[in-house]
Amino acid sequence: MKVGVICNDCWHPGKTIVAGLEPLSKQGIEFDYIQHASEWSSKWMEQQDVIVLAKANHTSASDKTPWLTDDIQQQFQSYVEHGKGLLVLHAGTVGYRNEPVFFELVGGVFQHHPEAGPVTMAYTNNTLWGSANTDVFAVHDEHYHMEVNEERIQIFMTSKSEHSTQPAGWLREQGTGRVCVLTPGHFLQVFQQPEYQTIITQALQWCAGGKQ
């Protein structure tokens, strides 16, 4: 599986994403990372089976200029509709609320988060992976509060802290392609959780067209 990873912004260092995903390369997943928006191209994207977006809407870690233009949004939409996969991880939900094509494609975006603390992930009753109402794992993480269009998504995992319960993992299909969103992952230790490694692997396989 060829996976293109777009990462690195002023709040989320690319090195965290690289270190968090690299263990999965042992399972035959080939990662190709870009950490500056200028490196993106439609040609590069079309070479990938799945795109992982783990980058806020910043050109780079030192440049907060939005990188997701109207044209790039359309390219993402076309990429998915023609049978490819998109996995949005944590930072990839940040700063995209005013990008309508992307918002509709992904089905939800980041609103805010309280100070990092204990967060528990659990499957929902309509889960696609795992047993209903079974705790997946508990971590110290930023608890992302999300704005979602529930009519467009299928939530399979929630996150719970002292502040609230939020959607933390969901799926949707558009055209012949697939989109998955996972909100955990501010710290490397979250990515290193065996349970989360399994979920990311399952998400990549599903986005690439594998069975549930």
N, C-alpha and C. Protein backbone atom coordinates (compact mmCIF):
# COMPACT_ATOMS: atom_id res chain seq x y z
N MET A 1 0.84 -1.20 0.00
CA MET A 1 0.00 0.00 0.00
C MET A 1 0.88 1.25 0.00
N LYS A 2 0.64 2.17 -0.91
CA LYS A 2 1.38 3.43 -0.97
C LYS A 2 0.56 4.52 -0.30
N VAL A 3 1.14 5.14 0.71
CA VAL A 3 0.43 6.14 1.51
C VAL A 3 1.21 7.44 1.50
N GLY A 4 0.61 8.49 1.00
CA GLY A 4 1.20 9.81 1.03
C GLY A 4 0.77 10.55 2.27
N VAL A 5 1.72 11.09 3.01
CA VAL A 5 1.43 11.75 4.28
C VAL A 5 1.75 13.24 4.18
N ILE A 6 0.76 14.07 4.46
CA ILE A 6 0.94 15.53 4.48
C ILE A 6 0.93 15.95 5.94
N CYS A 7 2.03 16.50 6.44
CA CYS A 7 2.13 16.80 7.87
C CYS A 7 2.98 18.05 8.09
N ASN A 8 3.07 18.45 9.36
CA ASN A 8 3.93 19.54 9.83
C ASN A 8 3.22 20.89 9.77
N ASP A 9 2.94 21.44 10.94
CA ASP A 9 2.42 22.80 11.07
C ASP A 9 2.96 23.40 12.36
N CYS A 10 2.57 24.59 12.69
CA CYS A 10 3.21 25.28 13.83
C CYS A 10 2.88 24.64 15.17
N TRP A 11 1.80 23.85 15.24
CA TRP A 11 1.42 23.19 16.50
C TRP A 11 1.73 21.71 16.51
N HIS A 12 1.96 21.14 15.33
CA HIS A 12 2.10 19.68 15.23
C HIS A 12 3.34 19.35 14.40
N PRO A 13 4.48 19.12 15.04
CA PRO A 13 5.72 18.85 14.29
C PRO A 13 5.60 17.60 13.43
N GLY A 14 6.12 17.70 12.22
CA GLY A 14 6.10 16.57 11.32
C GLY A 14 6.81 15.35 11.89
N LYS A 15 7.85 15.58 12.69
CA LYS A 15 8.61 14.46 13.23
C LYS A 15 7.76 13.57 14.13
N THR A 16 6.75 14.15 14.78
CA THR A 16 5.85 13.35 15.61
C THR A 16 5.04 12.39 14.75
N ILE A 17 4.53 12.89 13.62
CA ILE A 17 3.75 12.05 12.71
C ILE A 17 4.62 10.96 12.11
N VAL A 18 5.82 11.32 11.67
CA VAL A 18 6.73 10.34 11.08
C VAL A 18 7.04 9.23 12.08
N ALA A 19 7.40 9.61 13.30
CA ALA A 19 7.74 8.61 14.33
C ALA A 19 6.52 7.78 14.70
N GLY A 20 5.33 8.39 14.65
CA GLY A 20 4.12 7.67 15.01
C GLY A 20 3.67 6.67 13.96
N LEU A 21 3.93 6.96 12.69
CA LEU A 21 3.47 6.09 11.61
C LEU A 21 4.51 5.06 11.17
N GLU A 22 5.77 5.36 11.35
CA GLU A 22 6.81 4.50 10.80
C GLU A 22 6.73 3.04 11.26
N PRO A 23 6.30 2.74 12.50
CA PRO A 23 6.19 1.32 12.87
C PRO A 23 5.28 0.53 11.93
N LEU A 24 4.34 1.19 11.29
CA LEU A 24 3.41 0.49 10.40
C LEU A 24 4.06 0.08 9.09
N SER A 25 5.23 0.64 8.80
CA SER A 25 5.92 0.26 7.57
C SER A 25 6.33 -1.21 7.59
N LYS A 26 6.42 -1.79 8.79
CA LYS A 26 6.75 -3.21 8.91
C LYS A 26 5.63 -4.09 8.37
N GLN A 27 4.45 -3.51 8.19
CA GLN A 27 3.31 -4.27 7.68
C GLN A 27 3.14 -4.09 6.17
N GLY A 28 4.18 -3.58 5.53
CA GLY A 28 4.13 -3.44 4.09
C GLY A 28 3.53 -2.14 3.60
N ILE A 29 3.36 -1.18 4.50
CA ILE A 29 2.84 0.12 4.12
C ILE A 29 4.02 1.03 3.76
N GLU A 30 3.99 1.60 2.58
CA GLU A 30 5.07 2.46 2.10
C GLU A 30 4.64 3.92 2.24
N PHE A 31 5.29 4.65 3.15
CA PHE A 31 4.94 6.04 3.42
C PHE A 31 5.81 7.00 2.62
N ASP A 32 5.19 8.05 2.11
CA ASP A 32 5.90 9.12 1.40
C ASP A 32 5.45 10.44 2.03
N TYR A 33 6.37 11.11 2.74
CA TYR A 33 6.02 12.28 3.54
C TYR A 33 6.32 13.59 2.80
N ILE A 34 5.42 14.56 2.93
CA ILE A 34 5.72 15.93 2.56
C ILE A 34 5.37 16.81 3.75
N GLN A 35 6.28 17.75 4.07
CA GLN A 35 6.12 18.56 5.27
C GLN A 35 6.01 20.06 4.98
N HIS A 36 5.99 20.41 3.72
CA HIS A 36 5.78 21.81 3.32
C HIS A 36 4.76 21.80 2.19
N ALA A 37 3.78 22.67 2.28
CA ALA A 37 2.69 22.64 1.30
C ALA A 37 3.17 22.80 -0.13
N SER A 38 4.30 23.45 -0.34
CA SER A 38 4.81 23.64 -1.69
C SER A 38 5.21 22.32 -2.34
N GLU A 39 5.40 21.28 -1.54
CA GLU A 39 5.78 19.97 -2.07
C GLU A 39 4.58 19.20 -2.62
N TRP A 40 3.37 19.66 -2.28
CA TRP A 40 2.18 18.95 -2.75
C TRP A 40 1.95 19.20 -4.24
N SER A 41 1.47 18.16 -4.94
CA SER A 41 1.03 18.31 -6.31
C SER A 41 -0.02 17.24 -6.58
N SER A 42 -0.88 17.49 -7.54
CA SER A 42 -1.89 16.49 -7.89
C SER A 42 -1.22 15.22 -8.42
N LYS A 43 -0.08 15.38 -9.13
CA LYS A 43 0.65 14.21 -9.64
C LYS A 43 1.14 13.34 -8.50
N TRP A 44 1.72 13.99 -7.47
CA TRP A 44 2.18 13.24 -6.30
C TRP A 44 1.01 12.52 -5.64
N MET A 45 -0.12 13.20 -5.47
CA MET A 45 -1.26 12.62 -4.79
C MET A 45 -1.80 11.41 -5.56
N GLU A 46 -1.87 11.51 -6.86
CA GLU A 46 -2.44 10.42 -7.66
C GLU A 46 -1.58 9.15 -7.62
N GLN A 47 -0.33 9.29 -7.20
CA GLN A 47 0.55 8.12 -7.09
C GLN A 47 0.28 7.31 -5.82
N GLN A 48 -0.54 7.86 -4.92
CA GLN A 48 -0.78 7.22 -3.63
C GLN A 48 -2.12 6.48 -3.62
N ASP A 49 -2.17 5.38 -2.86
CA ASP A 49 -3.44 4.66 -2.66
C ASP A 49 -4.30 5.37 -1.64
N VAL A 50 -3.65 5.94 -0.64
CA VAL A 50 -4.32 6.67 0.43
C VAL A 50 -3.51 7.91 0.76
N ILE A 51 -4.19 9.00 1.04
CA ILE A 51 -3.54 10.20 1.58
C ILE A 51 -3.86 10.30 3.06
N VAL A 52 -2.83 10.52 3.88
CA VAL A 52 -3.02 10.84 5.29
C VAL A 52 -2.79 12.34 5.45
N LEU A 53 -3.82 13.05 5.89
CA LEU A 53 -3.68 14.48 6.18
C LEU A 53 -3.54 14.65 7.68
N ALA A 54 -2.34 15.05 8.11
CA ALA A 54 -2.05 15.26 9.53
C ALA A 54 -1.43 16.63 9.70
N LYS A 55 -2.03 17.60 9.05
CA LYS A 55 -1.48 18.96 8.99
C LYS A 55 -2.61 19.96 9.11
N ALA A 56 -2.49 20.92 10.03
CA ALA A 56 -3.44 22.02 10.09
C ALA A 56 -3.32 22.85 8.81
N ASN A 57 -4.22 23.76 8.62
CA ASN A 57 -4.23 24.55 7.38
C ASN A 57 -3.16 25.64 7.41
N HIS A 58 -1.91 25.19 7.53
CA HIS A 58 -0.73 26.05 7.52
C HIS A 58 0.20 25.57 6.41
N THR A 59 0.84 26.50 5.75
CA THR A 59 1.80 26.12 4.70
C THR A 59 2.95 25.32 5.26
N SER A 60 3.46 25.72 6.43
CA SER A 60 4.56 25.01 7.07
C SER A 60 4.56 25.33 8.55
N ALA A 61 5.54 24.78 9.27
CA ALA A 61 5.63 25.05 10.70
C ALA A 61 5.94 26.51 11.00
N SER A 62 6.55 27.21 10.06
CA SER A 62 6.92 28.61 10.27
C SER A 62 6.05 29.59 9.47
N ASP A 63 5.10 29.07 8.72
CA ASP A 63 4.26 29.91 7.87
C ASP A 63 2.81 29.49 8.03
N LYS A 64 2.02 30.35 8.71
CA LYS A 64 0.63 30.02 8.99
C LYS A 64 -0.33 30.36 7.84
N THR A 65 0.22 30.75 6.72
CA THR A 65 -0.62 31.02 5.56
C THR A 65 -1.40 29.76 5.18
N PRO A 66 -2.73 29.84 5.00
CA PRO A 66 -3.50 28.66 4.60
C PRO A 66 -2.99 28.09 3.28
N TRP A 67 -2.92 26.77 3.20
CA TRP A 67 -2.41 26.12 2.00
C TRP A 67 -3.53 25.49 1.16
N LEU A 68 -4.69 25.25 1.78
CA LEU A 68 -5.75 24.53 1.07
C LEU A 68 -6.58 25.50 0.23
N THR A 69 -6.16 25.70 -0.99
CA THR A 69 -6.87 26.60 -1.90
C THR A 69 -8.13 25.93 -2.43
N ASP A 70 -8.96 26.72 -3.12
CA ASP A 70 -10.16 26.16 -3.72
C ASP A 70 -9.80 25.04 -4.70
N ASP A 71 -8.75 25.25 -5.46
CA ASP A 71 -8.34 24.24 -6.43
C ASP A 71 -7.89 22.95 -5.75
N ILE A 72 -7.12 23.06 -4.68
CA ILE A 72 -6.65 21.86 -3.99
C ILE A 72 -7.82 21.12 -3.34
N GLN A 73 -8.78 21.87 -2.82
CA GLN A 73 -9.98 21.22 -2.28
C GLN A 73 -10.66 20.36 -3.34
N GLN A 74 -10.80 20.92 -4.53
CA GLN A 74 -11.43 20.18 -5.62
C GLN A 74 -10.61 18.95 -6.00
N GLN A 75 -9.29 19.08 -5.91
CA GLN A 75 -8.42 17.94 -6.22
C GLN A 75 -8.62 16.81 -5.20
N PHE A 76 -8.77 17.17 -3.94
CA PHE A 76 -9.04 16.16 -2.91
C PHE A 76 -10.38 15.49 -3.16
N GLN A 77 -11.37 16.27 -3.47
CA GLN A 77 -12.69 15.72 -3.73
C GLN A 77 -12.65 14.74 -4.91
N SER A 78 -11.98 15.13 -5.97
CA SER A 78 -11.87 14.28 -7.15
C SER A 78 -11.09 13.01 -6.82
N TYR A 79 -10.02 13.14 -6.04
CA TYR A 79 -9.19 12.00 -5.65
C TYR A 79 -10.04 10.93 -4.97
N VAL A 80 -10.88 11.36 -4.02
CA VAL A 80 -11.73 10.41 -3.29
C VAL A 80 -12.83 9.87 -4.20
N GLU A 81 -13.49 10.74 -4.92
CA GLU A 81 -14.63 10.31 -5.73
C GLU A 81 -14.23 9.30 -6.81
N HIS A 82 -12.96 9.30 -7.20
CA HIS A 82 -12.49 8.37 -8.21
C HIS A 82 -11.84 7.13 -7.62
N GLY A 83 -12.13 6.87 -6.34
CA GLY A 83 -11.78 5.57 -5.77
C GLY A 83 -10.62 5.51 -4.82
N LYS A 84 -10.01 6.64 -4.47
CA LYS A 84 -8.88 6.62 -3.55
C LYS A 84 -9.37 6.88 -2.12
N GLY A 85 -8.42 6.82 -1.16
CA GLY A 85 -8.77 6.96 0.25
C GLY A 85 -8.12 8.16 0.91
N LEU A 86 -8.81 8.71 1.89
CA LEU A 86 -8.30 9.84 2.67
C LEU A 86 -8.47 9.54 4.15
N LEU A 87 -7.36 9.54 4.89
CA LEU A 87 -7.39 9.39 6.34
C LEU A 87 -6.94 10.71 6.95
N VAL A 88 -7.82 11.33 7.72
CA VAL A 88 -7.54 12.61 8.37
C VAL A 88 -7.20 12.33 9.83
N LEU A 89 -5.99 12.69 10.24
CA LEU A 89 -5.51 12.43 11.59
C LEU A 89 -5.33 13.72 12.37
N HIS A 90 -6.00 13.84 13.50
CA HIS A 90 -5.79 14.89 14.49
C HIS A 90 -5.63 16.28 13.86
N ALA A 91 -4.40 16.71 13.60
CA ALA A 91 -4.13 18.06 13.09
C ALA A 91 -4.83 18.32 11.77
N GLY A 92 -5.13 17.26 11.02
CA GLY A 92 -5.76 17.42 9.72
C GLY A 92 -7.19 17.92 9.78
N THR A 93 -7.72 18.07 10.99
CA THR A 93 -9.07 18.63 11.16
C THR A 93 -9.04 20.11 11.52
N VAL A 94 -7.84 20.69 11.68
CA VAL A 94 -7.70 22.03 12.26
C VAL A 94 -7.58 23.11 11.20
N GLY A 95 -8.45 24.11 11.30
CA GLY A 95 -8.33 25.29 10.43
C GLY A 95 -9.03 25.16 9.09
N TYR A 96 -9.93 24.18 8.97
CA TYR A 96 -10.56 23.93 7.67
C TYR A 96 -12.07 24.24 7.67
N ARG A 97 -12.55 24.89 8.71
CA ARG A 97 -13.99 25.12 8.80
C ARG A 97 -14.51 25.99 7.66
N ASN A 98 -13.70 26.90 7.18
CA ASN A 98 -14.16 27.82 6.13
C ASN A 98 -13.79 27.34 4.73
N GLU A 99 -13.47 26.05 4.64
CA GLU A 99 -13.17 25.45 3.34
C GLU A 99 -14.32 24.50 3.01
N PRO A 100 -15.38 24.97 2.36
CA PRO A 100 -16.64 24.21 2.27
C PRO A 100 -16.54 22.87 1.57
N VAL A 101 -15.77 22.78 0.51
CA VAL A 101 -15.66 21.50 -0.20
C VAL A 101 -14.99 20.46 0.69
N PHE A 102 -13.92 20.89 1.35
CA PHE A 102 -13.20 19.99 2.24
C PHE A 102 -14.06 19.60 3.44
N PHE A 103 -14.77 20.57 4.02
CA PHE A 103 -15.62 20.30 5.18
C PHE A 103 -16.67 19.25 4.84
N GLU A 104 -17.29 19.36 3.68
CA GLU A 104 -18.28 18.38 3.27
C GLU A 104 -17.66 17.03 2.97
N LEU A 105 -16.47 17.04 2.39
CA LEU A 105 -15.79 15.78 2.07
C LEU A 105 -15.43 15.01 3.33
N VAL A 106 -14.92 15.72 4.32
CA VAL A 106 -14.44 15.08 5.55
C VAL A 106 -15.59 14.82 6.53
N GLY A 107 -16.57 15.70 6.57
CA GLY A 107 -17.73 15.51 7.42
C GLY A 107 -17.63 16.12 8.80
N GLY A 108 -16.51 16.78 9.10
CA GLY A 108 -16.38 17.40 10.41
C GLY A 108 -15.03 18.06 10.57
N VAL A 109 -14.95 19.03 11.49
CA VAL A 109 -13.71 19.76 11.71
C VAL A 109 -13.54 20.07 13.20
N PHE A 110 -12.32 20.41 13.54
CA PHE A 110 -11.96 20.80 14.91
C PHE A 110 -12.60 22.13 15.29
N GLN A 111 -13.08 22.21 16.56
CA GLN A 111 -13.57 23.47 17.11
C GLN A 111 -12.60 24.05 18.13
N HIS A 112 -12.31 23.27 19.17
CA HIS A 112 -11.40 23.74 20.23
C HIS A 112 -11.02 22.54 21.09
N HIS A 113 -10.08 22.74 22.00
CA HIS A 113 -9.76 21.69 22.96
C HIS A 113 -9.38 22.32 24.29
N PRO A 114 -9.72 21.67 25.40
CA PRO A 114 -9.25 22.11 26.72
C PRO A 114 -7.79 21.71 26.90
N GLU A 115 -7.24 22.02 28.05
CA GLU A 115 -5.87 21.61 28.35
C GLU A 115 -5.78 20.10 28.29
N ALA A 116 -4.67 19.60 27.80
CA ALA A 116 -4.49 18.15 27.66
C ALA A 116 -4.67 17.45 29.00
N GLY A 117 -5.26 16.26 28.94
CA GLY A 117 -5.52 15.49 30.14
C GLY A 117 -5.95 14.08 29.77
N PRO A 118 -6.49 13.33 30.73
CA PRO A 118 -6.91 11.95 30.46
C PRO A 118 -8.10 11.91 29.50
N VAL A 119 -7.99 11.08 28.48
CA VAL A 119 -9.06 10.90 27.50
C VAL A 119 -9.22 9.40 27.26
N THR A 120 -10.47 8.94 27.28
CA THR A 120 -10.75 7.53 27.03
C THR A 120 -11.48 7.36 25.71
N MET A 121 -11.00 6.46 24.87
CA MET A 121 -11.63 6.16 23.58
C MET A 121 -12.49 4.91 23.72
N ALA A 122 -13.68 4.94 23.14
CA ALA A 122 -14.57 3.79 23.21
C ALA A 122 -15.31 3.63 21.89
N TYR A 123 -15.54 2.38 21.50
CA TYR A 123 -16.36 2.12 20.32
C TYR A 123 -17.81 2.47 20.61
N THR A 124 -18.52 2.85 19.59
CA THR A 124 -19.95 3.14 19.73
C THR A 124 -20.76 1.89 19.43
N ASN A 125 -22.08 1.98 19.65
CA ASN A 125 -22.95 0.82 19.43
C ASN A 125 -22.96 0.36 17.98
N ASN A 126 -22.78 1.30 17.05
CA ASN A 126 -22.81 0.93 15.63
C ASN A 126 -21.40 0.73 15.09
N THR A 127 -20.53 0.22 15.99
CA THR A 127 -19.12 0.09 15.63
C THR A 127 -18.89 -0.79 14.41
N LEU A 128 -17.87 -0.45 13.68
CA LEU A 128 -17.41 -1.28 12.57
C LEU A 128 -16.21 -2.11 13.00
N TRP A 129 -15.49 -1.64 14.02
CA TRP A 129 -14.30 -2.34 14.49
C TRP A 129 -14.42 -2.54 15.99
N GLY A 130 -14.36 -3.78 16.44
CA GLY A 130 -14.37 -4.04 17.86
C GLY A 130 -15.76 -4.28 18.41
N SER A 131 -15.86 -4.40 19.72
CA SER A 131 -17.12 -4.71 20.39
C SER A 131 -17.79 -3.45 20.90
N ALA A 132 -19.10 -3.44 20.85
CA ALA A 132 -19.86 -2.26 21.26
C ALA A 132 -19.56 -1.89 22.71
N ASN A 133 -19.37 -0.58 22.94
CA ASN A 133 -19.18 -0.03 24.28
C ASN A 133 -17.94 -0.57 25.00
N THR A 134 -16.97 -1.05 24.27
CA THR A 134 -15.73 -1.53 24.87
C THR A 134 -14.68 -0.43 24.81
N ASP A 135 -14.09 -0.11 25.96
CA ASP A 135 -13.03 0.89 25.97
C ASP A 135 -11.88 0.42 25.10
N VAL A 136 -11.41 1.30 24.24
CA VAL A 136 -10.28 0.97 23.38
C VAL A 136 -8.97 1.24 24.11
N PHE A 137 -8.81 2.48 24.56
CA PHE A 137 -7.61 2.82 25.31
C PHE A 137 -7.80 4.17 25.96
N ALA A 138 -7.00 4.44 26.97
CA ALA A 138 -7.02 5.72 27.66
C ALA A 138 -5.64 6.35 27.52
N VAL A 139 -5.60 7.64 27.24
CA VAL A 139 -4.34 8.33 27.00
C VAL A 139 -4.36 9.72 27.62
N HIS A 140 -3.20 10.32 27.70
CA HIS A 140 -3.06 11.74 28.00
C HIS A 140 -2.96 12.45 26.65
N ASP A 141 -3.98 13.24 26.33
CA ASP A 141 -4.02 13.83 24.99
C ASP A 141 -4.85 15.11 25.02
N GLU A 142 -4.77 15.86 23.94
CA GLU A 142 -5.71 16.96 23.75
C GLU A 142 -7.06 16.35 23.38
N HIS A 143 -8.10 16.78 24.10
CA HIS A 143 -9.43 16.25 23.81
C HIS A 143 -10.11 17.17 22.79
N TYR A 144 -10.08 16.75 21.54
CA TYR A 144 -10.64 17.57 20.47
C TYR A 144 -12.16 17.60 20.53
N HIS A 145 -12.70 18.83 20.54
CA HIS A 145 -14.14 19.05 20.43
C HIS A 145 -14.42 19.36 18.97
N MET A 146 -15.38 18.62 18.40
CA MET A 146 -15.56 18.63 16.96
C MET A 146 -16.93 19.18 16.56
N GLU A 147 -16.96 19.77 15.38
CA GLU A 147 -18.21 20.10 14.71
C GLU A 147 -18.38 19.10 13.57
N VAL A 148 -19.45 18.32 13.62
CA VAL A 148 -19.65 17.29 12.60
C VAL A 148 -21.03 17.40 11.98
N ASN A 149 -21.12 16.89 10.77
CA ASN A 149 -22.40 16.75 10.08
C ASN A 149 -22.80 15.29 10.22
N GLU A 150 -23.61 14.99 11.24
CA GLU A 150 -23.90 13.60 11.58
C GLU A 150 -24.64 12.88 10.46
N GLU A 151 -25.31 13.61 9.61
CA GLU A 151 -26.02 12.98 8.50
C GLU A 151 -25.07 12.46 7.43
N ARG A 152 -23.84 12.95 7.45
CA ARG A 152 -22.87 12.58 6.41
C ARG A 152 -21.84 11.57 6.88
N ILE A 153 -21.85 11.23 8.16
CA ILE A 153 -20.79 10.38 8.69
C ILE A 153 -21.34 9.21 9.49
N GLN A 154 -20.50 8.20 9.68
CA GLN A 154 -20.82 7.05 10.51
C GLN A 154 -19.78 6.99 11.62
N ILE A 155 -20.18 7.39 12.81
CA ILE A 155 -19.27 7.45 13.95
C ILE A 155 -19.05 6.05 14.51
N PHE A 156 -17.78 5.66 14.67
CA PHE A 156 -17.49 4.34 15.24
C PHE A 156 -16.70 4.43 16.54
N MET A 157 -16.22 5.63 16.89
CA MET A 157 -15.44 5.75 18.12
C MET A 157 -15.68 7.12 18.73
N THR A 158 -15.80 7.15 20.06
CA THR A 158 -15.96 8.41 20.78
C THR A 158 -14.79 8.61 21.74
N SER A 159 -14.59 9.87 22.11
CA SER A 159 -13.57 10.22 23.11
C SER A 159 -14.27 10.89 24.28
N LYS A 160 -13.87 10.52 25.49
CA LYS A 160 -14.54 11.04 26.68
C LYS A 160 -13.51 11.55 27.67
N SER A 161 -13.76 12.76 28.20
CA SER A 161 -12.94 13.32 29.27
C SER A 161 -13.88 13.97 30.27
N GLU A 162 -13.32 14.65 31.25
CA GLU A 162 -14.16 15.34 32.22
C GLU A 162 -14.98 16.46 31.59
N HIS A 163 -14.61 16.84 30.37
CA HIS A 163 -15.26 17.98 29.73
C HIS A 163 -16.48 17.58 28.90
N SER A 164 -16.42 16.43 28.24
CA SER A 164 -17.55 16.01 27.39
C SER A 164 -17.22 14.69 26.72
N THR A 165 -18.18 14.21 25.93
CA THR A 165 -17.95 13.08 25.03
C THR A 165 -18.04 13.61 23.61
N GLN A 166 -17.07 13.24 22.79
CA GLN A 166 -16.97 13.78 21.44
C GLN A 166 -16.80 12.65 20.41
N PRO A 167 -17.21 12.88 19.16
CA PRO A 167 -16.88 11.92 18.12
C PRO A 167 -15.37 11.93 17.89
N ALA A 168 -14.77 10.74 17.87
CA ALA A 168 -13.31 10.65 17.74
C ALA A 168 -12.88 9.82 16.54
N GLY A 169 -13.81 9.10 15.93
CA GLY A 169 -13.50 8.33 14.74
C GLY A 169 -14.76 8.15 13.92
N TRP A 170 -14.69 8.47 12.64
CA TRP A 170 -15.85 8.25 11.79
C TRP A 170 -15.44 7.94 10.35
N LEU A 171 -16.40 7.41 9.62
CA LEU A 171 -16.20 6.99 8.24
C LEU A 171 -17.25 7.63 7.34
N ARG A 172 -16.91 7.80 6.09
CA ARG A 172 -17.89 8.15 5.08
C ARG A 172 -17.34 7.76 3.71
N GLU A 173 -18.26 7.61 2.77
CA GLU A 173 -17.88 7.28 1.41
C GLU A 173 -18.42 8.36 0.47
N GLN A 174 -17.66 8.65 -0.56
CA GLN A 174 -18.08 9.62 -1.56
C GLN A 174 -17.60 9.15 -2.92
N GLY A 175 -18.50 9.08 -3.87
CA GLY A 175 -18.15 8.46 -5.13
C GLY A 175 -17.77 7.02 -4.88
N THR A 176 -16.63 6.61 -5.40
CA THR A 176 -16.15 5.25 -5.15
C THR A 176 -15.01 5.23 -4.14
N GLY A 177 -14.76 6.34 -3.46
CA GLY A 177 -13.68 6.43 -2.49
C GLY A 177 -14.17 6.51 -1.06
N ARG A 178 -13.22 6.51 -0.14
CA ARG A 178 -13.53 6.43 1.29
C ARG A 178 -12.73 7.45 2.10
N VAL A 179 -13.38 7.93 3.17
CA VAL A 179 -12.76 8.89 4.07
C VAL A 179 -12.91 8.38 5.50
N CYS A 180 -11.83 8.46 6.27
CA CYS A 180 -11.86 8.15 7.70
C CYS A 180 -11.21 9.30 8.46
N VAL A 181 -11.78 9.63 9.60
CA VAL A 181 -11.22 10.68 10.47
C VAL A 181 -10.94 10.08 11.84
N LEU A 182 -9.74 10.34 12.38
CA LEU A 182 -9.36 9.94 13.73
C LEU A 182 -8.82 11.18 14.44
N THR A 183 -9.42 11.55 15.56
CA THR A 183 -9.01 12.81 16.22
C THR A 183 -7.89 12.68 17.23
N PRO A 184 -7.58 11.51 17.82
CA PRO A 184 -6.48 11.46 18.78
C PRO A 184 -5.13 11.68 18.08
N GLY A 185 -4.13 12.10 18.88
CA GLY A 185 -2.78 12.09 18.32
C GLY A 185 -1.97 13.36 18.44
N HIS A 186 -2.12 14.12 19.52
CA HIS A 186 -1.26 15.29 19.64
C HIS A 186 0.16 14.90 20.06
N PHE A 187 0.25 13.86 20.88
CA PHE A 187 1.55 13.45 21.42
C PHE A 187 1.98 12.12 20.81
N LEU A 188 3.28 11.94 20.69
CA LEU A 188 3.82 10.71 20.12
C LEU A 188 3.36 9.49 20.92
N GLN A 189 3.25 9.65 22.24
CA GLN A 189 2.85 8.52 23.08
C GLN A 189 1.47 7.99 22.69
N VAL A 190 0.62 8.86 22.16
CA VAL A 190 -0.71 8.41 21.72
C VAL A 190 -0.56 7.49 20.51
N PHE A 191 0.24 7.92 19.55
CA PHE A 191 0.46 7.09 18.37
C PHE A 191 1.10 5.75 18.73
N GLN A 192 1.91 5.75 19.78
CA GLN A 192 2.63 4.54 20.16
C GLN A 192 1.78 3.53 20.90
N GLN A 193 0.58 3.91 21.29
CA GLN A 193 -0.33 2.96 21.93
C GLN A 193 -0.63 1.82 20.95
N PRO A 194 -0.43 0.57 21.35
CA PRO A 194 -0.71 -0.55 20.43
C PRO A 194 -2.14 -0.52 19.89
N GLU A 195 -3.09 -0.12 20.73
CA GLU A 195 -4.48 -0.08 20.28
C GLU A 195 -4.67 0.95 19.17
N TYR A 196 -3.98 2.07 19.29
CA TYR A 196 -4.13 3.10 18.27
C TYR A 196 -3.40 2.72 16.99
N GLN A 197 -2.28 2.06 17.13
CA GLN A 197 -1.58 1.55 15.95
C GLN A 197 -2.49 0.61 15.16
N THR A 198 -3.23 -0.24 15.88
CA THR A 198 -4.16 -1.16 15.23
C THR A 198 -5.27 -0.40 14.53
N ILE A 199 -5.81 0.61 15.18
CA ILE A 199 -6.90 1.38 14.58
C ILE A 199 -6.43 2.11 13.34
N ILE A 200 -5.25 2.71 13.39
CA ILE A 200 -4.73 3.41 12.21
C ILE A 200 -4.52 2.43 11.06
N THR A 201 -3.99 1.25 11.38
CA THR A 201 -3.79 0.24 10.34
C THR A 201 -5.13 -0.15 9.71
N GLN A 202 -6.13 -0.40 10.54
CA GLN A 202 -7.45 -0.76 10.02
C GLN A 202 -8.03 0.37 9.17
N ALA A 203 -7.82 1.59 9.62
CA ALA A 203 -8.34 2.74 8.88
C ALA A 203 -7.68 2.85 7.51
N LEU A 204 -6.37 2.66 7.46
CA LEU A 204 -5.66 2.72 6.17
C LEU A 204 -6.14 1.62 5.23
N GLN A 205 -6.32 0.42 5.78
CA GLN A 205 -6.78 -0.69 4.95
C GLN A 205 -8.19 -0.42 4.42
N TRP A 206 -9.04 0.10 5.28
CA TRP A 206 -10.42 0.41 4.86
C TRP A 206 -10.42 1.52 3.80
N CYS A 207 -9.63 2.57 4.03
CA CYS A 207 -9.57 3.67 3.06
C CYS A 207 -9.05 3.20 1.70
N ALA A 208 -8.18 2.20 1.73
CA ALA A 208 -7.61 1.68 0.50
C ALA A 208 -8.54 0.70 -0.21
N GLY A 209 -9.73 0.49 0.38
CA GLY A 209 -10.71 -0.36 -0.27
C GLY A 209 -10.87 -1.73 0.33
N GLY A 210 -10.19 -1.98 1.47
CA GLY A 210 -10.30 -3.27 2.12
C GLY A 210 -11.65 -3.45 2.81
N LYS A 211 -11.94 -4.67 3.20
CA LYS A 211 -13.21 -4.96 3.88
C LYS A 211 -13.15 -4.41 5.30
N GLN A 212 -14.35 -4.21 5.88
CA GLN A 212 -14.43 -3.70 7.23
C GLN A 212 -13.87 -4.74 8.20
